[in-house]
N, C-alpha and C. Protein backbone atom coordinates (compact mmCIF):
# COMPACT_ATOMS: atom_id res chain seq x y z
N MET A 1 188.30 190.65 206.03
CA MET A 1 187.59 189.59 206.69
C MET A 1 186.10 189.94 206.71
N ASP A 2 185.30 188.93 206.63
CA ASP A 2 183.85 189.09 206.59
C ASP A 2 183.33 189.76 207.87
N PRO A 3 182.59 190.86 207.73
CA PRO A 3 182.08 191.57 208.92
C PRO A 3 181.18 190.69 209.79
N LEU A 4 180.43 189.79 209.17
CA LEU A 4 179.55 188.90 209.94
C LEU A 4 180.38 187.95 210.80
N LEU A 5 181.48 187.45 210.25
CA LEU A 5 182.37 186.58 211.01
C LEU A 5 182.99 187.34 212.18
N LEU A 6 183.42 188.57 211.93
CA LEU A 6 183.99 189.37 213.01
C LEU A 6 182.96 189.60 214.12
N GLU A 7 181.72 189.84 213.74
CA GLU A 7 180.68 190.07 214.74
C GLU A 7 180.43 188.80 215.55
N ALA A 8 180.46 187.65 214.90
CA ALA A 8 180.28 186.38 215.61
C ALA A 8 181.42 186.15 216.60
N ILE A 9 182.62 186.46 216.19
CA ILE A 9 183.77 186.28 217.07
C ILE A 9 183.69 187.24 218.24
N ARG A 10 183.28 188.45 217.95
CA ARG A 10 183.13 189.46 219.01
C ARG A 10 182.09 188.98 220.03
N ALA A 11 181.00 188.41 219.56
CA ALA A 11 179.97 187.89 220.46
C ALA A 11 180.52 186.75 221.32
N ALA A 12 181.33 185.90 220.71
CA ALA A 12 181.94 184.80 221.47
C ALA A 12 182.87 185.34 222.55
N LEU A 13 183.61 186.38 222.23
CA LEU A 13 184.48 187.00 223.23
C LEU A 13 183.66 187.57 224.38
N GLN A 14 182.51 188.14 224.06
CA GLN A 14 181.66 188.72 225.10
C GLN A 14 181.15 187.62 226.04
N ILE A 15 180.84 186.46 225.48
CA ILE A 15 180.41 185.33 226.32
C ILE A 15 181.55 184.91 227.24
N ALA A 16 182.75 184.86 226.69
CA ALA A 16 183.92 184.50 227.50
C ALA A 16 184.13 185.53 228.60
N ILE A 17 183.91 186.78 228.28
CA ILE A 17 184.10 187.84 229.28
C ILE A 17 183.10 187.68 230.42
N ARG A 18 181.89 187.28 230.11
CA ARG A 18 180.91 187.06 231.18
C ARG A 18 181.42 186.01 232.17
N ALA A 19 182.11 185.00 231.64
CA ALA A 19 182.68 183.98 232.53
C ALA A 19 183.73 184.59 233.44
N TYR A 20 184.53 185.50 232.92
CA TYR A 20 185.53 186.18 233.75
C TYR A 20 184.85 187.00 234.83
N VAL A 21 183.75 187.65 234.48
CA VAL A 21 183.02 188.46 235.46
C VAL A 21 182.52 187.55 236.59
N GLN A 22 181.98 186.41 236.21
CA GLN A 22 181.49 185.49 237.22
C GLN A 22 182.62 184.95 238.09
N ALA A 23 183.84 184.96 237.54
CA ALA A 23 185.01 184.50 238.30
C ALA A 23 185.48 185.57 239.28
N GLY A 24 184.93 186.76 239.19
CA GLY A 24 185.23 187.80 240.16
C GLY A 24 186.35 188.75 239.78
N LEU A 25 186.62 188.92 238.50
CA LEU A 25 187.65 189.86 238.09
C LEU A 25 187.14 191.30 238.24
N THR A 26 188.08 192.23 238.46
CA THR A 26 187.70 193.64 238.50
C THR A 26 187.47 194.14 237.07
N ARG A 27 186.87 195.29 236.97
CA ARG A 27 186.62 195.88 235.64
C ARG A 27 187.93 196.10 234.89
N GLU A 28 188.95 196.55 235.59
CA GLU A 28 190.24 196.80 234.95
C GLU A 28 190.86 195.50 234.42
N GLU A 29 190.78 194.44 235.22
CA GLU A 29 191.30 193.14 234.79
C GLU A 29 190.51 192.62 233.58
N LEU A 30 189.21 192.82 233.64
CA LEU A 30 188.34 192.39 232.55
C LEU A 30 188.66 193.14 231.26
N ASP A 31 188.80 194.46 231.35
CA ASP A 31 189.14 195.26 230.18
C ASP A 31 190.48 194.84 229.60
N ALA A 32 191.45 194.61 230.46
CA ALA A 32 192.78 194.22 230.01
C ALA A 32 192.72 192.87 229.29
N GLU A 33 191.98 191.93 229.83
CA GLU A 33 191.87 190.61 229.22
C GLU A 33 191.16 190.69 227.87
N TYR A 34 190.08 191.45 227.81
CA TYR A 34 189.35 191.61 226.54
C TYR A 34 190.27 192.22 225.48
N ASN A 35 190.95 193.29 225.83
CA ASN A 35 191.84 193.95 224.88
C ASN A 35 192.95 193.03 224.42
N LYS A 36 193.50 192.25 225.34
CA LYS A 36 194.57 191.31 225.00
C LYS A 36 194.06 190.27 224.00
N GLN A 37 192.89 189.68 224.30
CA GLN A 37 192.35 188.66 223.41
C GLN A 37 191.99 189.24 222.05
N TRP A 38 191.44 190.43 222.02
CA TRP A 38 191.05 191.06 220.75
C TRP A 38 192.28 191.36 219.91
N GLU A 39 193.33 191.88 220.52
CA GLU A 39 194.56 192.18 219.79
C GLU A 39 195.20 190.90 219.26
N GLU A 40 195.20 189.84 220.06
CA GLU A 40 195.75 188.57 219.60
C GLU A 40 194.96 188.05 218.41
N PHE A 41 193.64 188.17 218.46
CA PHE A 41 192.81 187.71 217.35
C PHE A 41 193.11 188.50 216.08
N LYS A 42 193.24 189.81 216.20
CA LYS A 42 193.46 190.65 215.02
C LYS A 42 194.79 190.35 214.35
N LYS A 43 195.76 189.81 215.09
CA LYS A 43 197.06 189.48 214.53
C LYS A 43 197.03 188.19 213.70
N LYS A 44 196.00 187.38 213.87
CA LYS A 44 195.95 186.09 213.19
C LYS A 44 195.73 186.29 211.69
N ASP A 45 196.34 185.41 210.94
CA ASP A 45 196.16 185.40 209.49
C ASP A 45 194.76 184.86 209.20
N PRO A 46 193.92 185.59 208.45
CA PRO A 46 192.57 185.11 208.16
C PRO A 46 192.56 183.73 207.50
N ASN A 47 193.62 183.38 206.82
CA ASN A 47 193.67 182.07 206.17
C ASN A 47 193.92 180.95 207.16
N ASP A 48 194.35 181.28 208.37
CA ASP A 48 194.60 180.27 209.39
C ASP A 48 193.39 180.01 210.28
N LEU A 49 192.34 180.80 210.11
CA LEU A 49 191.15 180.63 210.94
C LEU A 49 190.37 179.40 210.48
N PRO A 50 189.74 178.70 211.41
CA PRO A 50 188.96 177.51 211.03
C PRO A 50 187.72 177.90 210.24
N ASP A 51 187.31 177.03 209.36
CA ASP A 51 186.07 177.24 208.62
C ASP A 51 184.90 177.01 209.56
N VAL A 52 183.89 177.88 209.44
CA VAL A 52 182.71 177.72 210.27
C VAL A 52 181.49 177.55 209.41
């Protein structure tokens, strides 16, 4: 997968994480959610991702 695309997705996840922080999650909850979302993303077939 294109490294630039991965970096863009990673940045989008970081924005989402900021929303979780503002919602008042603990660091442990935040880490768990980030890891869960990242692992789910890595399992996706690159051919199933939308064109950007």
